[in-house]
């Protein structure tokens, strides 16, 4: 099987309409998505702020989409100095919430996020850090709270064993002057992955919907994968297939 994983990032009451529109476009292609939910207060609202958003999110889960924990507030509390701070600021642009935290901080953020999700009836098994940026002590906190998998820019990781499998993500950059060049690069990347039959991950963000070129590019990436015979699955499905119950020796990547 050739897996295609589409993740919809930054799902929250503040992005509800954009997220809803994205999910409609994905469902029109019979794609199941991993919805990366920000449970804490972000852009003036939190998970509990909107009954209509929660109803939509529950329906999305009932329709086969996955609910994933995406940090707590999606906002860094402090910025480290030196090269690490510069890298985090470049890649995260203020969202690198888990980039420089120690174990107690990471544990507290995760516990708050899981508690908020559970209070609304959601039981996430996976965690994706905002910007895919995690400190060295975050995986230990993930194990403590019982989350089963996480992802980086290039891998899907089993939290319990830290075994991983290679799966490079393609992501656009909204409101960026280099967006068009990055879009061209992601088309080439996904085309190469499809030719080699390697796992394909496509990350879409709510803001992508407002930029026609980025919206078209993301949908084109999905169409390239589907045209090469890829099968849609969530991160949770892929984690189980590749790391919990691998069917091929090469799944370690």
C-alpha atoms as a PDB file:
ATOM      1  CA  UNK A   1       0.000   0.000   0.000  1.00  0.00           C
ATOM      2  CA  UNK A   2       1.164   3.536  -0.819  1.00  0.00           C
ATOM      3  CA  UNK A   3       0.036   5.820   2.024  1.00  0.00           C
ATOM      4  CA  UNK A   4      -1.092   9.417   1.575  1.00  0.00           C
ATOM      5  CA  UNK A   5      -1.475  11.396   4.801  1.00  0.00           C
ATOM      6  CA  UNK A   6      -3.096  14.827   4.702  1.00  0.00           C
ATOM      7  CA  UNK A   7      -2.969  16.883   7.885  1.00  0.00           C
ATOM      8  CA  UNK A   8      -5.036  20.013   8.476  1.00  0.00           C
ATOM      9  CA  UNK A   9      -3.142  22.172  10.940  1.00  0.00           C
ATOM     10  CA  UNK A  10      -4.201  24.890  13.391  1.00  0.00           C
ATOM     11  CA  UNK A  11      -7.797  23.704  13.735  1.00  0.00           C
ATOM     12  CA  UNK A  12      -9.480  25.915  16.337  1.00  0.00           C
ATOM     13  CA  UNK A  13     -12.558  28.116  16.799  1.00  0.00           C
ATOM     14  CA  UNK A  14     -10.581  31.063  15.375  1.00  0.00           C
ATOM     15  CA  UNK A  15      -9.998  29.144  12.126  1.00  0.00           C
ATOM     16  CA  UNK A  16     -13.316  27.283  12.075  1.00  0.00           C
ATOM     17  CA  UNK A  17     -14.630  28.591   8.752  1.00  0.00           C
ATOM     18  CA  UNK A  18     -11.325  28.139   6.922  1.00  0.00           C
ATOM     19  CA  UNK A  19     -10.924  24.653   8.400  1.00  0.00           C
ATOM     20  CA  UNK A  20     -14.457  23.719   7.388  1.00  0.00           C
ATOM     21  CA  UNK A  21     -13.838  24.842   3.800  1.00  0.00           C
ATOM     22  CA  UNK A  22     -10.616  22.840   3.652  1.00  0.00           C
ATOM     23  CA  UNK A  23     -12.304  19.715   4.907  1.00  0.00           C
ATOM     24  CA  UNK A  24     -15.013  20.043   2.269  1.00  0.00           C
ATOM     25  CA  UNK A  25     -12.349  20.183  -0.464  1.00  0.00           C
ATOM     26  CA  UNK A  26     -10.557  17.150   0.969  1.00  0.00           C
ATOM     27  CA  UNK A  27     -13.758  15.158   1.392  1.00  0.00           C
ATOM     28  CA  UNK A  28     -14.657  15.911  -2.235  1.00  0.00           C
ATOM     29  CA  UNK A  29     -11.567  13.844  -3.080  1.00  0.00           C
ATOM     30  CA  UNK A  30     -12.563  11.109  -0.595  1.00  0.00           C
ATOM     31  CA  UNK A  31      -9.574  11.997   1.592  1.00  0.00           C
ATOM     32  CA  UNK A  32      -9.439  11.366   5.322  1.00  0.00           C
ATOM     33  CA  UNK A  33      -7.449  13.950   7.234  1.00  0.00           C
ATOM     34  CA  UNK A  34      -5.663  14.260  10.554  1.00  0.00           C
ATOM     35  CA  UNK A  35      -7.050  17.420  12.161  1.00  0.00           C
ATOM     36  CA  UNK A  36      -4.446  19.123  14.341  1.00  0.00           C
ATOM     37  CA  UNK A  37      -6.423  20.856  17.066  1.00  0.00           C
ATOM     38  CA  UNK A  38      -5.217  23.755  19.238  1.00  0.00           C
ATOM     39  CA  UNK A  39      -7.211  23.379  22.498  1.00  0.00           C
ATOM     40  CA  UNK A  40      -5.924  26.385  24.450  1.00  0.00           C
ATOM     41  CA  UNK A  41      -6.618  30.068  23.963  1.00  0.00           C
ATOM     42  CA  UNK A  42      -5.380  31.169  20.561  1.00  0.00           C
ATOM     43  CA  UNK A  43      -6.489  34.309  18.714  1.00  0.00           C
ATOM     44  CA  UNK A  44      -8.945  35.060  21.491  1.00  0.00           C
ATOM     45  CA  UNK A  45     -10.781  31.728  21.679  1.00  0.00           C
ATOM     46  CA  UNK A  46     -10.274  28.212  23.001  1.00  0.00           C
ATOM     47  CA  UNK A  47     -11.701  24.759  22.357  1.00  0.00           C
ATOM     48  CA  UNK A  48     -14.714  25.429  24.590  1.00  0.00           C
ATOM     49  CA  UNK A  49     -15.598  28.786  23.021  1.00  0.00           C
ATOM     50  CA  UNK A  50     -17.869  27.627  20.236  1.00  0.00           C
ATOM     51  CA  UNK A  51     -20.577  24.983  20.392  1.00  0.00           C
ATOM     52  CA  UNK A  52     -20.894  24.997  16.594  1.00  0.00           C
ATOM     53  CA  UNK A  53     -17.170  24.375  16.179  1.00  0.00           C
ATOM     54  CA  UNK A  54     -17.305  21.445  18.590  1.00  0.00           C
ATOM     55  CA  UNK A  55     -20.306  20.006  16.778  1.00  0.00           C
ATOM     56  CA  UNK A  56     -18.431  20.249  13.471  1.00  0.00           C
ATOM     57  CA  UNK A  57     -15.324  18.658  14.994  1.00  0.00           C
ATOM     58  CA  UNK A  58     -17.306  15.729  16.408  1.00  0.00           C
ATOM     59  CA  UNK A  59     -18.983  15.197  13.055  1.00  0.00           C
ATOM     60  CA  UNK A  60     -15.603  15.257  11.327  1.00  0.00           C
ATOM     61  CA  UNK A  61     -14.369  12.532  13.663  1.00  0.00           C
ATOM     62  CA  UNK A  62     -17.534  10.516  13.036  1.00  0.00           C
ATOM     63  CA  UNK A  63     -16.824  10.822   9.305  1.00  0.00           C
ATOM     64  CA  UNK A  64     -13.449   9.122   9.707  1.00  0.00           C
ATOM     65  CA  UNK A  65     -11.092  12.042  10.239  1.00  0.00           C
ATOM     66  CA  UNK A  66      -8.622  11.911  13.132  1.00  0.00           C
ATOM     67  CA  UNK A  67      -8.359  14.401  15.999  1.00  0.00           C
ATOM     68  CA  UNK A  68      -4.727  15.153  16.927  1.00  0.00           C
ATOM     69  CA  UNK A  69      -3.321  17.278  19.746  1.00  0.00           C
ATOM     70  CA  UNK A  70      -1.460  20.288  18.307  1.00  0.00           C
ATOM     71  CA  UNK A  71       0.169  21.858  21.339  1.00  0.00           C
ATOM     72  CA  UNK A  72      -1.676  23.928  23.892  1.00  0.00           C
ATOM     73  CA  UNK A  73      -1.765  27.599  22.835  1.00  0.00           C
ATOM     74  CA  UNK A  74       0.319  27.398  19.630  1.00  0.00           C
ATOM     75  CA  UNK A  75       2.406  30.283  20.955  1.00  0.00           C
ATOM     76  CA  UNK A  76       5.915  30.310  22.391  1.00  0.00           C
ATOM     77  CA  UNK A  77       6.254  31.702  25.905  1.00  0.00           C
ATOM     78  CA  UNK A  78       9.963  32.470  25.644  1.00  0.00           C
ATOM     79  CA  UNK A  79      12.482  32.693  22.830  1.00  0.00           C
ATOM     80  CA  UNK A  80      15.877  31.060  23.391  1.00  0.00           C
ATOM     81  CA  UNK A  81      18.976  33.002  22.501  1.00  0.00           C
ATOM     82  CA  UNK A  82      21.604  32.107  19.953  1.00  0.00           C
ATOM     83  CA  UNK A  83      21.306  29.801  16.987  1.00  0.00           C
ATOM     84  CA  UNK A  84      18.450  27.744  18.445  1.00  0.00           C
ATOM     85  CA  UNK A  85      16.347  30.832  18.931  1.00  0.00           C
ATOM     86  CA  UNK A  86      17.070  31.986  15.390  1.00  0.00           C
ATOM     87  CA  UNK A  87      16.137  28.595  13.912  1.00  0.00           C
ATOM     88  CA  UNK A  88      12.935  28.432  15.934  1.00  0.00           C
ATOM     89  CA  UNK A  89      11.914  31.944  14.917  1.00  0.00           C
ATOM     90  CA  UNK A  90      12.607  31.232  11.251  1.00  0.00           C
ATOM     91  CA  UNK A  91      10.719  27.938  11.108  1.00  0.00           C
ATOM     92  CA  UNK A  92       8.065  28.587  13.730  1.00  0.00           C
ATOM     93  CA  UNK A  93       7.411  32.323  13.392  1.00  0.00           C
ATOM     94  CA  UNK A  94       6.199  32.531  16.994  1.00  0.00           C
ATOM     95  CA  UNK A  95       4.382  29.197  17.188  1.00  0.00           C
ATOM     96  CA  UNK A  96       7.364  27.135  18.403  1.00  0.00           C
ATOM     97  CA  UNK A  97       5.685  26.395  21.735  1.00  0.00           C
ATOM     98  CA  UNK A  98       7.621  23.168  22.437  1.00  0.00           C
ATOM     99  CA  UNK A  99      10.962  24.133  20.900  1.00  0.00           C
ATOM    100  CA  UNK A 100      12.807  25.143  24.060  1.00  0.00           C
ATOM    101  CA  UNK A 101      10.752  23.739  26.938  1.00  0.00           C
ATOM    102  CA  UNK A 102      12.132  21.472  29.641  1.00  0.00           C
ATOM    103  CA  UNK A 103      10.338  18.315  30.709  1.00  0.00           C
ATOM    104  CA  UNK A 104       8.113  19.878  33.437  1.00  0.00           C
ATOM    105  CA  UNK A 105       6.912  22.600  31.052  1.00  0.00           C
ATOM    106  CA  UNK A 106       6.245  20.148  28.248  1.00  0.00           C
ATOM    107  CA  UNK A 107       4.376  17.843  30.625  1.00  0.00           C
ATOM    108  CA  UNK A 108       2.206  20.684  31.930  1.00  0.00           C
ATOM    109  CA  UNK A 109       1.286  21.875  28.426  1.00  0.00           C
ATOM    110  CA  UNK A 110       0.447  18.361  27.278  1.00  0.00           C
ATOM    111  CA  UNK A 111      -1.629  17.590  30.353  1.00  0.00           C
ATOM    112  CA  UNK A 112      -3.625  20.787  29.905  1.00  0.00           C
ATOM    113  CA  UNK A 113      -4.206  20.027  26.245  1.00  0.00           C
ATOM    114  CA  UNK A 114      -5.312  16.446  26.842  1.00  0.00           C
ATOM    115  CA  UNK A 115      -7.608  17.485  29.708  1.00  0.00           C
ATOM    116  CA  UNK A 116      -9.310  20.068  27.489  1.00  0.00           C
ATOM    117  CA  UNK A 117      -9.734  17.539  24.674  1.00  0.00           C
ATOM    118  CA  UNK A 118     -11.097  14.844  26.986  1.00  0.00           C
ATOM    119  CA  UNK A 119     -13.563  17.236  28.569  1.00  0.00           C
ATOM    120  CA  UNK A 120     -15.154  17.589  25.127  1.00  0.00           C
ATOM    121  CA  UNK A 121     -15.128  13.863  24.405  1.00  0.00           C
ATOM    122  CA  UNK A 122     -11.953  13.595  22.316  1.00  0.00           C
ATOM    123  CA  UNK A 123      -9.163  11.099  23.027  1.00  0.00           C
ATOM    124  CA  UNK A 124      -6.170  11.942  20.825  1.00  0.00           C
ATOM    125  CA  UNK A 125      -3.502   9.282  20.373  1.00  0.00           C
ATOM    126  CA  UNK A 126      -1.071  11.512  18.510  1.00  0.00           C
ATOM    127  CA  UNK A 127       0.725  14.808  18.992  1.00  0.00           C
ATOM    128  CA  UNK A 128       2.208  17.151  16.405  1.00  0.00           C
ATOM    129  CA  UNK A 129       4.167  20.084  17.792  1.00  0.00           C
ATOM    130  CA  UNK A 130       3.467  23.476  16.229  1.00  0.00           C
ATOM    131  CA  UNK A 131       5.971  23.914  13.427  1.00  0.00           C
ATOM    132  CA  UNK A 132       7.089  20.304  14.082  1.00  0.00           C
ATOM    133  CA  UNK A 133       9.540  21.853  16.562  1.00  0.00           C
ATOM    134  CA  UNK A 134      10.177  19.925  19.785  1.00  0.00           C
ATOM    135  CA  UNK A 135      12.812  20.092  22.498  1.00  0.00           C
ATOM    136  CA  UNK A 136      14.873  17.032  23.380  1.00  0.00           C
ATOM    137  CA  UNK A 137      12.802  16.576  26.558  1.00  0.00           C
ATOM    138  CA  UNK A 138       9.373  16.687  24.906  1.00  0.00           C
ATOM    139  CA  UNK A 139       9.298  12.976  23.865  1.00  0.00           C
ATOM    140  CA  UNK A 140       9.721  11.959  27.501  1.00  0.00           C
ATOM    141  CA  UNK A 141       6.670  14.055  28.395  1.00  0.00           C
ATOM    142  CA  UNK A 142       4.747  12.460  25.514  1.00  0.00           C
ATOM    143  CA  UNK A 143       5.486   9.029  26.984  1.00  0.00           C
ATOM    144  CA  UNK A 144       4.400  10.148  30.441  1.00  0.00           C
ATOM    145  CA  UNK A 145       0.961  11.268  29.265  1.00  0.00           C
ATOM    146  CA  UNK A 146       0.480   8.145  27.138  1.00  0.00           C
ATOM    147  CA  UNK A 147       0.414   9.634  23.651  1.00  0.00           C
ATOM    148  CA  UNK A 148       1.344   7.037  21.047  1.00  0.00           C
ATOM    149  CA  UNK A 149       2.964   8.853  18.154  1.00  0.00           C
ATOM    150  CA  UNK A 150       4.391  12.160  17.018  1.00  0.00           C
ATOM    151  CA  UNK A 151       5.837  13.538  13.798  1.00  0.00           C
ATOM    152  CA  UNK A 152       8.771  15.655  12.673  1.00  0.00           C
ATOM    153  CA  UNK A 153       9.372  17.308   9.312  1.00  0.00           C
ATOM    154  CA  UNK A 154      10.685  14.027   7.963  1.00  0.00           C
ATOM    155  CA  UNK A 155       9.461  11.145  10.117  1.00  0.00           C
ATOM    156  CA  UNK A 156       6.527   9.553  11.951  1.00  0.00           C
ATOM    157  CA  UNK A 157       7.710   8.421  15.384  1.00  0.00           C
ATOM    158  CA  UNK A 158       6.413   5.818  17.825  1.00  0.00           C
ATOM    159  CA  UNK A 159       6.595   7.503  21.237  1.00  0.00           C
ATOM    160  CA  UNK A 160       7.045   4.342  23.310  1.00  0.00           C
ATOM    161  CA  UNK A 161       9.973   2.904  21.361  1.00  0.00           C
ATOM    162  CA  UNK A 162      11.201   6.005  19.467  1.00  0.00           C
ATOM    163  CA  UNK A 163      11.284   3.866  16.347  1.00  0.00           C
ATOM    164  CA  UNK A 164      10.394   5.922  13.308  1.00  0.00           C
ATOM    165  CA  UNK A 165       9.712   5.675   9.624  1.00  0.00           C
ATOM    166  CA  UNK A 166      10.705   8.185   6.987  1.00  0.00           C
ATOM    167  CA  UNK A 167       7.875  10.312   5.594  1.00  0.00           C
ATOM    168  CA  UNK A 168       8.799  13.820   4.476  1.00  0.00           C
ATOM    169  CA  UNK A 169       6.082  16.453   4.791  1.00  0.00           C
ATOM    170  CA  UNK A 170       5.177  18.971   2.098  1.00  0.00           C
ATOM    171  CA  UNK A 171       3.904  22.284   3.434  1.00  0.00           C
ATOM    172  CA  UNK A 172       3.207  25.706   1.956  1.00  0.00           C
ATOM    173  CA  UNK A 173       3.961  29.016   3.639  1.00  0.00           C
ATOM    174  CA  UNK A 174       1.051  31.463   3.554  1.00  0.00           C
ATOM    175  CA  UNK A 175       1.731  35.211   3.492  1.00  0.00           C
ATOM    176  CA  UNK A 176       5.320  34.638   2.426  1.00  0.00           C
ATOM    177  CA  UNK A 177       7.155  36.305  -0.456  1.00  0.00           C
ATOM    178  CA  UNK A 178       8.845  32.972  -1.174  1.00  0.00           C
ATOM    179  CA  UNK A 179       5.557  31.077  -1.182  1.00  0.00           C
ATOM    180  CA  UNK A 180       5.465  30.524  -4.934  1.00  0.00           C
ATOM    181  CA  UNK A 181       8.973  29.088  -4.988  1.00  0.00           C
ATOM    182  CA  UNK A 182       8.151  26.786  -2.076  1.00  0.00           C
ATOM    183  CA  UNK A 183       4.976  25.678  -3.844  1.00  0.00           C
ATOM    184  CA  UNK A 184       6.979  24.697  -6.919  1.00  0.00           C
ATOM    185  CA  UNK A 185       9.402  22.797  -4.699  1.00  0.00           C
ATOM    186  CA  UNK A 186       6.638  20.853  -3.003  1.00  0.00           C
ATOM    187  CA  UNK A 187       5.148  19.822  -6.353  1.00  0.00           C
ATOM    188  CA  UNK A 188       8.526  18.461  -7.385  1.00  0.00           C
ATOM    189  CA  UNK A 189       8.986  16.718  -4.054  1.00  0.00           C
ATOM    190  CA  UNK A 190       5.597  14.993  -4.116  1.00  0.00           C
ATOM    191  CA  UNK A 191       6.059  14.012  -7.762  1.00  0.00           C
ATOM    192  CA  UNK A 192       9.390  12.403  -6.886  1.00  0.00           C
ATOM    193  CA  UNK A 193       7.885  10.634  -3.871  1.00  0.00           C
ATOM    194  CA  UNK A 194       5.010   9.316  -5.978  1.00  0.00           C
ATOM    195  CA  UNK A 195       7.410   8.004  -8.602  1.00  0.00           C
ATOM    196  CA  UNK A 196       9.340   6.159  -5.884  1.00  0.00           C
ATOM    197  CA  UNK A 197       6.155   4.977  -4.088  1.00  0.00           C
ATOM    198  CA  UNK A 198       7.356   6.383  -0.759  1.00  0.00           C
ATOM    199  CA  UNK A 199       4.894   7.654   1.904  1.00  0.00           C
ATOM    200  CA  UNK A 200       3.498  11.106   1.140  1.00  0.00           C
ATOM    201  CA  UNK A 201       2.517  13.671   3.769  1.00  0.00           C
ATOM    202  CA  UNK A 202       0.770  16.898   2.787  1.00  0.00           C
ATOM    203  CA  UNK A 203       0.194  19.590   5.408  1.00  0.00           C
ATOM    204  CA  UNK A 204      -2.412  22.255   4.769  1.00  0.00           C
ATOM    205  CA  UNK A 205      -3.077  25.299   6.907  1.00  0.00           C
ATOM    206  CA  UNK A 206      -6.305  27.275   7.240  1.00  0.00           C
ATOM    207  CA  UNK A 207      -4.684  30.402   5.791  1.00  0.00           C
ATOM    208  CA  UNK A 208      -3.790  28.504   2.606  1.00  0.00           C
ATOM    209  CA  UNK A 209      -7.449  28.592   1.600  1.00  0.00           C
ATOM    210  CA  UNK A 210      -7.344  32.371   1.095  1.00  0.00           C
ATOM    211  CA  UNK A 211      -4.401  32.292  -1.321  1.00  0.00           C
ATOM    212  CA  UNK A 212      -5.551  30.764  -4.630  1.00  0.00           C
ATOM    213  CA  UNK A 213      -2.074  29.656  -5.707  1.00  0.00           C
ATOM    214  CA  UNK A 214      -1.443  27.838  -2.431  1.00  0.00           C
ATOM    215  CA  UNK A 215      -4.915  26.310  -2.390  1.00  0.00           C
ATOM    216  CA  UNK A 216      -4.457  25.026  -5.939  1.00  0.00           C
ATOM    217  CA  UNK A 217      -0.982  23.724  -5.152  1.00  0.00           C
ATOM    218  CA  UNK A 218      -2.145  21.754  -2.122  1.00  0.00           C
ATOM    219  CA  UNK A 219      -4.988  20.186  -4.074  1.00  0.00           C
ATOM    220  CA  UNK A 220      -2.636  19.432  -6.951  1.00  0.00           C
ATOM    221  CA  UNK A 221      -0.338  17.593  -4.541  1.00  0.00           C
ATOM    222  CA  UNK A 222      -3.272  15.452  -3.421  1.00  0.00           C
ATOM    223  CA  UNK A 223      -4.232  14.770  -7.023  1.00  0.00           C
ATOM    224  CA  UNK A 224      -0.669  13.761  -7.932  1.00  0.00           C
ATOM    225  CA  UNK A 225      -0.645  11.193  -5.129  1.00  0.00           C
ATOM    226  CA  UNK A 226      -4.111   9.880  -5.917  1.00  0.00           C
ATOM    227  CA  UNK A 227      -3.190   9.656  -9.593  1.00  0.00           C
ATOM    228  CA  UNK A 228      -0.297   7.380  -8.664  1.00  0.00           C
ATOM    229  CA  UNK A 229      -2.551   4.995  -6.767  1.00  0.00           C
ATOM    230  CA  UNK A 230      -1.983   6.257  -3.227  1.00  0.00           C
ATOM    231  CA  UNK A 231      -4.457   5.399  -0.475  1.00  0.00           C
ATOM    232  CA  UNK A 232      -5.650   8.014   1.985  1.00  0.00           C
ATOM    233  CA  UNK A 233      -5.068   7.329   5.662  1.00  0.00           C
ATOM    234  CA  UNK A 234      -4.705   9.250   8.906  1.00  0.00           C
ATOM    235  CA  UNK A 235      -1.498   9.539  10.916  1.00  0.00           C
ATOM    236  CA  UNK A 236      -2.968   7.122  13.436  1.00  0.00           C
ATOM    237  CA  UNK A 237      -3.585   4.540  10.713  1.00  0.00           C
ATOM    238  CA  UNK A 238      -0.091   4.958   9.310  1.00  0.00           C
ATOM    239  CA  UNK A 239       1.511   4.731  12.745  1.00  0.00           C
ATOM    240  CA  UNK A 240      -0.235   1.428  13.358  1.00  0.00           C
ATOM    241  CA  UNK A 241       0.582   0.102   9.899  1.00  0.00           C
ATOM    242  CA  UNK A 242       4.236   1.130   9.800  1.00  0.00           C
ATOM    243  CA  UNK A 243       5.367   1.057  13.431  1.00  0.00           C
ATOM    244  CA  UNK A 244       2.968  -0.918  15.620  1.00  0.00           C
ATOM    245  CA  UNK A 245       2.170  -3.753  13.243  1.00  0.00           C
ATOM    246  CA  UNK A 246       4.596  -3.405  10.300  1.00  0.00           C
ATOM    247  CA  UNK A 247       3.923  -5.696   7.370  1.00  0.00           C
ATOM    248  CA  UNK A 248       7.253  -5.224   5.640  1.00  0.00           C
ATOM    249  CA  UNK A 249      10.812  -5.277   6.909  1.00  0.00           C
ATOM    250  CA  UNK A 250      11.478  -1.943   5.252  1.00  0.00           C
ATOM    251  CA  UNK A 251       8.919  -0.028   7.260  1.00  0.00           C
ATOM    252  CA  UNK A 252      11.534   1.220   9.732  1.00  0.00           C
ATOM    253  CA  UNK A 253      12.800   3.583   7.009  1.00  0.00           C
END
